[in-house]
PDB file of all heavy atoms in Angstrom:
ATOM      1  N   GLY A   1       0.772  -1.259   0.035  1.00  0.00           N
ATOM      2  CA  GLY A   1       0.040  -0.031   0.020  1.00  0.00           C
ATOM      3  C   GLY A   1       0.766   1.319  -0.012  1.00  0.00           C
ATOM      4  O   GLY A   1       0.281   2.321  -0.346  1.00  0.00           O
ATOM      5  N   ARG A   2       2.063   1.183   0.349  1.00  0.00           N
ATOM      6  CA  ARG A   2       2.953   2.376   0.431  1.00  0.00           C
ATOM      7  C   ARG A   2       3.222   2.984  -0.977  1.00  0.00           C
ATOM      8  O   ARG A   2       3.265   4.154  -1.131  1.00  0.00           O
ATOM      9  CB  ARG A   2       4.180   2.101   1.154  1.00  0.00           C
ATOM     10  CG  ARG A   2       4.020   1.707   2.639  1.00  0.00           C
ATOM     11  CD  ARG A   2       5.344   1.432   3.298  1.00  0.00           C
ATOM     12  NE  ARG A   2       5.225   1.152   4.701  1.00  0.00           N
ATOM     13  CZ  ARG A   2       4.904  -0.023   5.270  1.00  0.00           C
ATOM     14  NH1 ARG A   2       4.658  -1.110   4.379  1.00  0.00           N
ATOM     15  NH2 ARG A   2       4.756  -0.218   6.524  1.00  0.00           N
ATOM     16  N   GLY A   3       3.416   2.053  -1.985  1.00  0.00           N
ATOM     17  CA  GLY A   3       3.632   2.606  -3.306  1.00  0.00           C
ATOM     18  C   GLY A   3       2.382   3.368  -3.867  1.00  0.00           C
ATOM     19  O   GLY A   3       2.508   4.442  -4.425  1.00  0.00           O
ATOM     20  N   ILE A   4       1.193   2.874  -3.578  1.00  0.00           N
ATOM     21  CA  ILE A   4      -0.075   3.508  -4.045  1.00  0.00           C
ATOM     22  C   ILE A   4      -0.132   4.870  -3.289  1.00  0.00           C
ATOM     23  O   ILE A   4      -0.580   5.915  -3.888  1.00  0.00           O
ATOM     24  CB  ILE A   4      -1.239   2.588  -3.750  1.00  0.00           C
ATOM     25  CG1 ILE A   4      -1.191   1.368  -4.694  1.00  0.00           C
ATOM     26  CG2 ILE A   4      -2.515   3.383  -3.980  1.00  0.00           C
ATOM     27  CD1 ILE A   4      -2.195   0.247  -4.347  1.00  0.00           C
ATOM     28  N   ALA A   5       0.102   4.865  -1.973  1.00  0.00           N
ATOM     29  CA  ALA A   5       0.005   6.022  -1.159  1.00  0.00           C
ATOM     30  C   ALA A   5       0.970   7.155  -1.686  1.00  0.00           C
ATOM     31  O   ALA A   5       0.640   8.372  -1.789  1.00  0.00           O
ATOM     32  CB  ALA A   5       0.237   5.799   0.309  1.00  0.00           C
ATOM     33  N   LYS A   6       2.156   6.762  -2.111  1.00  0.00           N
ATOM     34  CA  LYS A   6       3.113   7.693  -2.536  1.00  0.00           C
ATOM     35  C   LYS A   6       2.675   8.320  -3.898  1.00  0.00           C
ATOM     36  O   LYS A   6       2.881   9.559  -4.080  1.00  0.00           O
ATOM     37  CB  LYS A   6       4.492   7.033  -2.747  1.00  0.00           C
ATOM     38  CG  LYS A   6       5.669   7.950  -3.179  1.00  0.00           C
ATOM     39  CD  LYS A   6       6.996   7.209  -3.165  1.00  0.00           C
ATOM     40  CE  LYS A   6       7.468   6.986  -1.773  1.00  0.00           C
ATOM     41  NZ  LYS A   6       8.897   6.524  -1.747  1.00  0.00           N
ATOM     42  N   LEU A   7       2.120   7.541  -4.723  1.00  0.00           N
ATOM     43  CA  LEU A   7       1.622   8.040  -6.005  1.00  0.00           C
ATOM     44  C   LEU A   7       0.456   9.027  -5.767  1.00  0.00           C
ATOM     45  O   LEU A   7       0.451  10.126  -6.478  1.00  0.00           O
ATOM     46  CB  LEU A   7       1.122   6.959  -6.872  1.00  0.00           C
ATOM     47  CG  LEU A   7       2.222   5.956  -7.306  1.00  0.00           C
ATOM     48  CD1 LEU A   7       1.538   4.780  -8.229  1.00  0.00           C
ATOM     49  CD2 LEU A   7       3.288   6.593  -8.174  1.00  0.00           C
ATOM     50  N   ARG A   8      -0.408   8.716  -4.914  1.00  0.00           N
ATOM     51  CA  ARG A   8      -1.566   9.634  -4.685  1.00  0.00           C
ATOM     52  C   ARG A   8      -1.132  10.898  -3.970  1.00  0.00           C
ATOM     53  O   ARG A   8      -1.701  11.939  -4.264  1.00  0.00           O
ATOM     54  CB  ARG A   8      -2.619   8.931  -3.808  1.00  0.00           C
ATOM     55  CG  ARG A   8      -3.413   7.852  -4.545  1.00  0.00           C
ATOM     56  CD  ARG A   8      -4.340   7.027  -3.733  1.00  0.00           C
ATOM     57  NE  ARG A   8      -5.219   6.185  -4.584  1.00  0.00           N
ATOM     58  CZ  ARG A   8      -5.900   5.142  -4.142  1.00  0.00           C
ATOM     59  NH1 ARG A   8      -5.768   4.782  -2.860  1.00  0.00           N
ATOM     60  NH2 ARG A   8      -6.683   4.477  -4.962  1.00  0.00           N
ATOM     61  N   GLU A   9      -0.180  10.809  -3.096  1.00  0.00           N
ATOM     62  CA  GLU A   9       0.331  12.005  -2.429  1.00  0.00           C
ATOM     63  C   GLU A   9       0.978  13.008  -3.505  1.00  0.00           C
ATOM     64  O   GLU A   9       1.008  14.147  -3.260  1.00  0.00           O
ATOM     65  CB  GLU A   9       1.404  11.633  -1.435  1.00  0.00           C
ATOM     66  CG  GLU A   9       0.866  11.017  -0.128  1.00  0.00           C
ATOM     67  CD  GLU A   9       1.853  10.397   0.795  1.00  0.00           C
ATOM     68  OE1 GLU A   9       2.999  10.554   0.426  1.00  0.00           O
ATOM     69  OE2 GLU A   9       1.503   9.814   1.765  1.00  0.00           O
ATOM     70  N   ALA A  10       1.532  12.441  -4.562  1.00  0.00           N
ATOM     71  CA  ALA A  10       2.051  13.238  -5.549  1.00  0.00           C
ATOM     72  C   ALA A  10       1.022  13.811  -6.606  1.00  0.00           C
ATOM     73  O   ALA A  10       1.397  14.472  -7.512  1.00  0.00           O
ATOM     74  CB  ALA A  10       3.123  12.403  -6.405  1.00  0.00           C
ATOM     75  N   GLY A  11      -0.226  13.546  -6.332  1.00  0.00           N
ATOM     76  CA  GLY A  11      -1.370  14.030  -7.157  1.00  0.00           C
ATOM     77  C   GLY A  11      -1.639  13.183  -8.378  1.00  0.00           C
ATOM     78  O   GLY A  11      -2.410  13.618  -9.248  1.00  0.00           O
ATOM     79  N   ILE A  12      -1.137  11.960  -8.389  1.00  0.00           N
ATOM     80  CA  ILE A  12      -1.464  11.034  -9.505  1.00  0.00           C
ATOM     81  C   ILE A  12      -2.716  10.275  -9.208  1.00  0.00           C
ATOM     82  O   ILE A  12      -2.926   9.798  -8.086  1.00  0.00           O
ATOM     83  CB  ILE A  12      -0.266  10.068  -9.720  1.00  0.00           C
ATOM     84  CG1 ILE A  12       0.992  10.804 -10.104  1.00  0.00           C
ATOM     85  CG2 ILE A  12      -0.604   9.022 -10.794  1.00  0.00           C
ATOM     86  CD1 ILE A  12       2.222   9.922 -10.214  1.00  0.00           C
ATOM     87  N   GLU A  13      -3.585  10.199 -10.182  1.00  0.00           N
ATOM     88  CA  GLU A  13      -4.835   9.432 -10.006  1.00  0.00           C
ATOM     89  C   GLU A  13      -4.462   7.938 -10.079  1.00  0.00           C
ATOM     90  O   GLU A  13      -3.819   7.556 -10.973  1.00  0.00           O
ATOM     91  CB  GLU A  13      -5.811   9.765 -11.158  1.00  0.00           C
ATOM     92  CG  GLU A  13      -7.118   9.002 -11.126  1.00  0.00           C
ATOM     93  CD  GLU A  13      -7.959   9.157 -12.351  1.00  0.00           C
ATOM     94  OE1 GLU A  13      -7.668  10.104 -13.137  1.00  0.00           O
ATOM     95  OE2 GLU A  13      -8.943   8.454 -12.558  1.00  0.00           O
ATOM     96  N   VAL A  14      -5.014   7.222  -9.065  1.00  0.00           N
ATOM     97  CA  VAL A  14      -4.613   5.744  -8.960  1.00  0.00           C
ATOM     98  C   VAL A  14      -5.925   4.974  -8.912  1.00  0.00           C
ATOM     99  O   VAL A  14      -6.775   5.268  -8.037  1.00  0.00           O
ATOM    100  CB  VAL A  14      -3.805   5.449  -7.783  1.00  0.00           C
ATOM    101  CG1 VAL A  14      -3.352   3.972  -7.682  1.00  0.00           C
ATOM    102  CG2 VAL A  14      -2.453   6.297  -7.778  1.00  0.00           C
ATOM    103  N   THR A  15      -6.009   3.921  -9.730  1.00  0.00           N
ATOM    104  CA  THR A  15      -7.071   2.964  -9.744  1.00  0.00           C
ATOM    105  C   THR A  15      -6.535   1.583  -9.374  1.00  0.00           C
ATOM    106  O   THR A  15      -5.573   1.155  -9.987  1.00  0.00           O
ATOM    107  CB  THR A  15      -7.806   2.901 -11.099  1.00  0.00           C
ATOM    108  OG1 THR A  15      -8.333   4.175 -11.487  1.00  0.00           O
ATOM    109  CG2 THR A  15      -8.994   1.919 -11.095  1.00  0.00           C
ATOM    110  N   VAL A  16      -7.149   0.979  -8.426  1.00  0.00           N
ATOM    111  CA  VAL A  16      -6.639  -0.279  -7.903  1.00  0.00           C
ATOM    112  C   VAL A  16      -7.694  -1.422  -8.040  1.00  0.00           C
ATOM    113  O   VAL A  16      -8.845  -1.174  -7.790  1.00  0.00           O
ATOM    114  CB  VAL A  16      -6.249  -0.181  -6.366  1.00  0.00           C
ATOM    115  CG1 VAL A  16      -5.628  -1.509  -5.894  1.00  0.00           C
ATOM    116  CG2 VAL A  16      -5.256   0.904  -6.217  1.00  0.00           C
ATOM    117  N   GLY A  17      -7.225  -2.656  -8.368  1.00  0.00           N
ATOM    118  CA  GLY A  17      -8.107  -3.765  -8.351  1.00  0.00           C
ATOM    119  C   GLY A  17      -8.714  -4.134  -9.749  1.00  0.00           C
ATOM    120  O   GLY A  17      -9.662  -4.907  -9.777  1.00  0.00           O
ATOM    121  N   VAL A  18      -8.044  -3.751 -10.811  1.00  0.00           N
ATOM    122  CA  VAL A  18      -8.528  -4.164 -12.220  1.00  0.00           C
ATOM    123  C   VAL A  18      -7.953  -5.545 -12.435  1.00  0.00           C
ATOM    124  O   VAL A  18      -6.716  -5.742 -12.358  1.00  0.00           O
ATOM    125  CB  VAL A  18      -7.993  -3.155 -13.242  1.00  0.00           C
ATOM    126  CG1 VAL A  18      -8.400  -3.648 -14.581  1.00  0.00           C
ATOM    127  CG2 VAL A  18      -8.644  -1.758 -12.973  1.00  0.00           C
ATOM    128  N   LEU A  19      -8.821  -6.503 -12.717  1.00  0.00           N
ATOM    129  CA  LEU A  19      -8.412  -7.888 -12.881  1.00  0.00           C
ATOM    130  C   LEU A  19      -7.623  -8.416 -11.736  1.00  0.00           C
ATOM    131  O   LEU A  19      -6.639  -9.161 -11.860  1.00  0.00           O
ATOM    132  CB  LEU A  19      -7.668  -8.109 -14.184  1.00  0.00           C
ATOM    133  CG  LEU A  19      -8.362  -7.786 -15.497  1.00  0.00           C
ATOM    134  CD1 LEU A  19      -7.505  -8.218 -16.703  1.00  0.00           C
ATOM    135  CD2 LEU A  19      -9.673  -8.564 -15.532  1.00  0.00           C
ATOM    136  N   GLU A  20      -8.086  -8.096 -10.446  1.00  0.00           N
ATOM    137  CA  GLU A  20      -7.350  -8.375  -9.294  1.00  0.00           C
ATOM    138  C   GLU A  20      -7.160  -9.907  -9.106  1.00  0.00           C
ATOM    139  O   GLU A  20      -6.041 -10.288  -8.752  1.00  0.00           O
ATOM    140  CB  GLU A  20      -8.086  -7.747  -8.012  1.00  0.00           C
ATOM    141  CG  GLU A  20      -7.378  -7.954  -6.829  1.00  0.00           C
ATOM    142  CD  GLU A  20      -8.113  -7.283  -5.576  1.00  0.00           C
ATOM    143  OE1 GLU A  20      -9.339  -6.962  -5.746  1.00  0.00           O
ATOM    144  OE2 GLU A  20      -7.473  -7.129  -4.571  1.00  0.00           O
ATOM    145  N   ASP A  21      -8.144 -10.673  -9.273  1.00  0.00           N
ATOM    146  CA  ASP A  21      -8.006 -12.153  -9.074  1.00  0.00           C
ATOM    147  C   ASP A  21      -6.963 -12.693 -10.011  1.00  0.00           C
ATOM    148  O   ASP A  21      -6.158 -13.598  -9.585  1.00  0.00           O
ATOM    149  CB  ASP A  21      -9.338 -12.832  -9.287  1.00  0.00           C
ATOM    150  CG  ASP A  21     -10.362 -12.453  -8.138  1.00  0.00           C
ATOM    151  OD1 ASP A  21      -9.927 -11.979  -7.084  1.00  0.00           O
ATOM    152  OD2 ASP A  21     -11.593 -12.675  -8.356  1.00  0.00           O
ATOM    153  N   GLU A  22      -7.008 -12.300 -11.267  1.00  0.00           N
ATOM    154  CA  GLU A  22      -6.045 -12.840 -12.228  1.00  0.00           C
ATOM    155  C   GLU A  22      -4.613 -12.441 -11.903  1.00  0.00           C
ATOM    156  O   GLU A  22      -3.727 -13.228 -11.996  1.00  0.00           O
ATOM    157  CB  GLU A  22      -6.391 -12.332 -13.626  1.00  0.00           C
ATOM    158  CG  GLU A  22      -7.666 -12.959 -14.233  1.00  0.00           C
ATOM    159  CD  GLU A  22      -8.922 -12.110 -13.881  1.00  0.00           C
ATOM    160  OE1 GLU A  22      -8.907 -11.412 -12.804  1.00  0.00           O
ATOM    161  OE2 GLU A  22      -9.876 -12.241 -14.607  1.00  0.00           O
ATOM    162  N   CYS A  23      -4.500 -11.159 -11.414  1.00  0.00           N
ATOM    163  CA  CYS A  23      -3.154 -10.664 -11.041  1.00  0.00           C
ATOM    164  C   CYS A  23      -2.638 -11.441  -9.827  1.00  0.00           C
ATOM    165  O   CYS A  23      -1.454 -11.794  -9.765  1.00  0.00           O
ATOM    166  CB  CYS A  23      -3.202  -9.201 -10.779  1.00  0.00           C
ATOM    167  SG  CYS A  23      -3.475  -8.217 -12.288  1.00  0.00           S
ATOM    168  N   LYS A  24      -3.473 -11.716  -8.870  1.00  0.00           N
ATOM    169  CA  LYS A  24      -3.052 -12.455  -7.669  1.00  0.00           C
ATOM    170  C   LYS A  24      -2.710 -13.919  -8.042  1.00  0.00           C
ATOM    171  O   LYS A  24      -1.697 -14.551  -7.576  1.00  0.00           O
ATOM    172  CB  LYS A  24      -4.172 -12.500  -6.613  1.00  0.00           C
ATOM    173  CG  LYS A  24      -4.328 -11.159  -5.929  1.00  0.00           C
ATOM    174  CD  LYS A  24      -5.353 -11.263  -4.827  1.00  0.00           C
ATOM    175  CE  LYS A  24      -5.486  -9.936  -4.069  1.00  0.00           C
ATOM    176  NZ  LYS A  24      -6.587  -9.999  -3.015  1.00  0.00           N
ATOM    177  N   ALA A  25      -3.538 -14.542  -8.946  1.00  0.00           N
ATOM    178  CA  ALA A  25      -3.295 -15.890  -9.409  1.00  0.00           C
ATOM    179  C   ALA A  25      -1.964 -16.072 -10.089  1.00  0.00           C
ATOM    180  O   ALA A  25      -1.267 -17.083  -9.966  1.00  0.00           O
ATOM    181  CB  ALA A  25      -4.458 -16.426 -10.302  1.00  0.00           C
ATOM    182  N   LEU A  26      -1.586 -15.015 -10.868  1.00  0.00           N
ATOM    183  CA  LEU A  26      -0.292 -15.132 -11.653  1.00  0.00           C
ATOM    184  C   LEU A  26       0.824 -15.260 -10.611  1.00  0.00           C
ATOM    185  O   LEU A  26       1.818 -16.013 -10.857  1.00  0.00           O
ATOM    186  CB  LEU A  26      -0.183 -13.846 -12.467  1.00  0.00           C
ATOM    187  CG  LEU A  26       1.236 -13.762 -13.220  1.00  0.00           C
ATOM    188  CD1 LEU A  26       1.262 -14.792 -14.290  1.00  0.00           C
ATOM    189  CD2 LEU A  26       1.397 -12.354 -13.719  1.00  0.00           C
ATOM    190  N   ASN A  27       0.788 -14.586  -9.501  1.00  0.00           N
ATOM    191  CA  ASN A  27       1.895 -14.570  -8.412  1.00  0.00           C
ATOM    192  C   ASN A  27       1.423 -15.374  -7.230  1.00  0.00           C
ATOM    193  O   ASN A  27       1.704 -14.873  -6.115  1.00  0.00           O
ATOM    194  CB  ASN A  27       2.258 -13.169  -8.147  1.00  0.00           C
ATOM    195  CG  ASN A  27       3.117 -12.558  -9.181  1.00  0.00           C
ATOM    196  OD1 ASN A  27       4.175 -13.073  -9.540  1.00  0.00           O
ATOM    197  ND2 ASN A  27       2.688 -11.414  -9.771  1.00  0.00           N
ATOM    198  N   SER A  28       0.706 -16.468  -7.441  1.00  0.00           N
ATOM    199  CA  SER A  28       0.210 -17.212  -6.290  1.00  0.00           C
ATOM    200  C   SER A  28       1.281 -17.611  -5.330  1.00  0.00           C
ATOM    201  O   SER A  28       1.094 -17.705  -4.120  1.00  0.00           O
ATOM    202  CB  SER A  28      -0.581 -18.394  -6.718  1.00  0.00           C
ATOM    203  OG  SER A  28       0.206 -19.197  -7.578  1.00  0.00           O
ATOM    204  N   ARG A  29       2.488 -17.965  -5.872  1.00  0.00           N
ATOM    205  CA  ARG A  29       3.560 -18.459  -5.055  1.00  0.00           C
ATOM    206  C   ARG A  29       4.080 -17.285  -4.149  1.00  0.00           C
ATOM    207  O   ARG A  29       4.314 -17.403  -2.933  1.00  0.00           O
ATOM    208  CB  ARG A  29       4.687 -19.042  -5.873  1.00  0.00           C
ATOM    209  CG  ARG A  29       4.280 -20.351  -6.553  1.00  0.00           C
ATOM    210  CD  ARG A  29       5.029 -20.612  -7.814  1.00  0.00           C
ATOM    211  NE  ARG A  29       4.695 -21.954  -8.340  1.00  0.00           N
ATOM    212  CZ  ARG A  29       3.567 -22.261  -8.996  1.00  0.00           C
ATOM    213  NH1 ARG A  29       2.663 -21.338  -9.170  1.00  0.00           N
ATOM    214  NH2 ARG A  29       3.385 -23.536  -9.438  1.00  0.00           N
ATOM    215  N   PHE A  30       4.324 -16.175  -4.757  1.00  0.00           N
ATOM    216  CA  PHE A  30       4.755 -14.939  -4.064  1.00  0.00           C
ATOM    217  C   PHE A  30       3.731 -14.526  -3.053  1.00  0.00           C
ATOM    218  O   PHE A  30       4.118 -14.139  -1.936  1.00  0.00           O
ATOM    219  CB  PHE A  30       5.002 -13.793  -5.110  1.00  0.00           C
ATOM    220  CG  PHE A  30       5.383 -12.569  -4.521  1.00  0.00           C
ATOM    221  CD1 PHE A  30       6.755 -12.303  -4.137  1.00  0.00           C
ATOM    222  CD2 PHE A  30       4.487 -11.426  -4.366  1.00  0.00           C
ATOM    223  CE1 PHE A  30       7.116 -11.065  -3.559  1.00  0.00           C
ATOM    224  CE2 PHE A  30       4.887 -10.246  -3.822  1.00  0.00           C
ATOM    225  CZ  PHE A  30       6.123 -10.078  -3.453  1.00  0.00           C
ATOM    226  N   MET A  31       2.429 -14.590  -3.394  1.00  0.00           N
ATOM    227  CA  MET A  31       1.390 -14.228  -2.519  1.00  0.00           C
ATOM    228  C   MET A  31       1.379 -15.124  -1.243  1.00  0.00           C
ATOM    229  O   MET A  31       1.157 -14.695  -0.101  1.00  0.00           O
ATOM    230  CB  MET A  31      -0.006 -14.247  -3.152  1.00  0.00           C
ATOM    231  CG  MET A  31      -0.146 -13.280  -4.340  1.00  0.00           C
ATOM    232  SD  MET A  31      -0.311 -11.549  -3.769  1.00  0.00           S
ATOM    233  CE  MET A  31      -0.260 -10.706  -5.309  1.00  0.00           C
ATOM    234  N   THR A  32       1.467 -16.439  -1.432  1.00  0.00           N
ATOM    235  CA  THR A  32       1.415 -17.399  -0.363  1.00  0.00           C
ATOM    236  C   THR A  32       2.536 -17.227   0.606  1.00  0.00           C
ATOM    237  O   THR A  32       2.477 -17.268   1.847  1.00  0.00           O
ATOM    238  CB  THR A  32       1.364 -18.805  -0.899  1.00  0.00           C
ATOM    239  OG1 THR A  32       0.313 -19.061  -1.813  1.00  0.00           O
ATOM    240  CG2 THR A  32       1.413 -19.891   0.167  1.00  0.00           C
ATOM    241  N   VAL A  33       3.776 -17.007   0.084  1.00  0.00           N
ATOM    242  CA  VAL A  33       4.940 -16.841   0.939  1.00  0.00           C
ATOM    243  C   VAL A  33       4.750 -15.593   1.805  1.00  0.00           C
ATOM    244  O   VAL A  33       5.210 -15.631   2.999  1.00  0.00           O
ATOM    245  CB  VAL A  33       6.210 -16.733   0.045  1.00  0.00           C
ATOM    246  CG1 VAL A  33       7.362 -16.119   0.888  1.00  0.00           C
ATOM    247  CG2 VAL A  33       6.593 -18.032  -0.551  1.00  0.00           C
ATOM    248  N   ASN A  34       4.174 -14.459   1.271  1.00  0.00           N
ATOM    249  CA  ASN A  34       4.080 -13.283   2.024  1.00  0.00           C
ATOM    250  C   ASN A  34       2.807 -13.242   2.939  1.00  0.00           C
ATOM    251  O   ASN A  34       2.765 -12.361   3.788  1.00  0.00           O
ATOM    252  CB  ASN A  34       4.078 -12.078   1.119  1.00  0.00           C
ATOM    253  CG  ASN A  34       5.472 -11.798   0.519  1.00  0.00           C
ATOM    254  OD1 ASN A  34       6.335 -11.170   1.235  1.00  0.00           O
ATOM    255  ND2 ASN A  34       5.746 -12.223  -0.670  1.00  0.00           N
ATOM    256  N   THR A  35       1.912 -14.140   2.749  1.00  0.00           N
ATOM    257  CA  THR A  35       0.742 -14.108   3.534  1.00  0.00           C
ATOM    258  C   THR A  35       0.598 -15.282   4.557  1.00  0.00           C
ATOM    259  O   THR A  35       0.204 -15.071   5.663  1.00  0.00           O
ATOM    260  CB  THR A  35      -0.550 -14.077   2.661  1.00  0.00           C
ATOM    261  OG1 THR A  35      -0.589 -15.201   1.798  1.00  0.00           O
ATOM    262  CG2 THR A  35      -0.672 -12.873   1.823  1.00  0.00           C
ATOM    263  N   GLU A  36       1.104 -16.465   4.100  1.00  0.00           N
ATOM    264  CA  GLU A  36       1.016 -17.631   4.916  1.00  0.00           C
ATOM    265  C   GLU A  36       2.370 -18.085   5.487  1.00  0.00           C
ATOM    266  O   GLU A  36       2.478 -19.076   6.290  1.00  0.00           O
ATOM    267  CB  GLU A  36       0.383 -18.784   4.182  1.00  0.00           C
ATOM    268  CG  GLU A  36      -1.014 -18.431   3.745  1.00  0.00           C
ATOM    269  CD  GLU A  36      -1.822 -19.711   3.282  1.00  0.00           C
ATOM    270  OE1 GLU A  36      -1.434 -20.741   3.756  1.00  0.00           O
ATOM    271  OE2 GLU A  36      -2.726 -19.561   2.414  1.00  0.00           O
ATOM    272  N   HIS A  37       3.453 -17.432   5.013  1.00  0.00           N
ATOM    273  CA  HIS A  37       4.808 -17.664   5.490  1.00  0.00           C
ATOM    274  C   HIS A  37       5.271 -19.069   5.362  1.00  0.00           C
ATOM    275  O   HIS A  37       5.865 -19.621   6.282  1.00  0.00           O
ATOM    276  CB  HIS A  37       4.958 -17.151   6.971  1.00  0.00           C
ATOM    277  CG  HIS A  37       4.457 -15.723   7.169  1.00  0.00           C
ATOM    278  ND1 HIS A  37       5.109 -14.608   6.651  1.00  0.00           N
ATOM    279  CD2 HIS A  37       3.387 -15.224   7.812  1.00  0.00           C
ATOM    280  CE1 HIS A  37       4.446 -13.543   6.909  1.00  0.00           C
ATOM    281  NE2 HIS A  37       3.357 -13.871   7.641  1.00  0.00           N
ATOM    282  N   ARG A  38       4.938 -19.653   4.194  1.00  0.00           N
ATOM    283  CA  ARG A  38       5.428 -20.956   3.873  1.00  0.00           C
ATOM    284  C   ARG A  38       5.437 -21.014   2.352  1.00  0.00           C
ATOM    285  O   ARG A  38       4.835 -20.152   1.693  1.00  0.00           O
ATOM    286  CB  ARG A  38       4.428 -22.025   4.393  1.00  0.00           C
ATOM    287  CG  ARG A  38       3.092 -21.947   3.887  1.00  0.00           C
ATOM    288  CD  ARG A  38       2.264 -23.150   4.173  1.00  0.00           C
ATOM    289  NE  ARG A  38       0.937 -23.087   3.772  1.00  0.00           N
ATOM    290  CZ  ARG A  38       0.466 -23.230   2.491  1.00  0.00           C
ATOM    291  NH1 ARG A  38       1.291 -23.435   1.516  1.00  0.00           N
ATOM    292  NH2 ARG A  38      -0.816 -23.205   2.235  1.00  0.00           N
TER     293      ARG A  38
END
């Protein structure tokens, strides 16, 4: 969330969550390591 916050603080319009499920599925391994710590 810090990257998004930095962009918005700079006055850039930010849209989040476009094809969110597909984007998460692509990095399912990275997501699991960082959320379930295994």
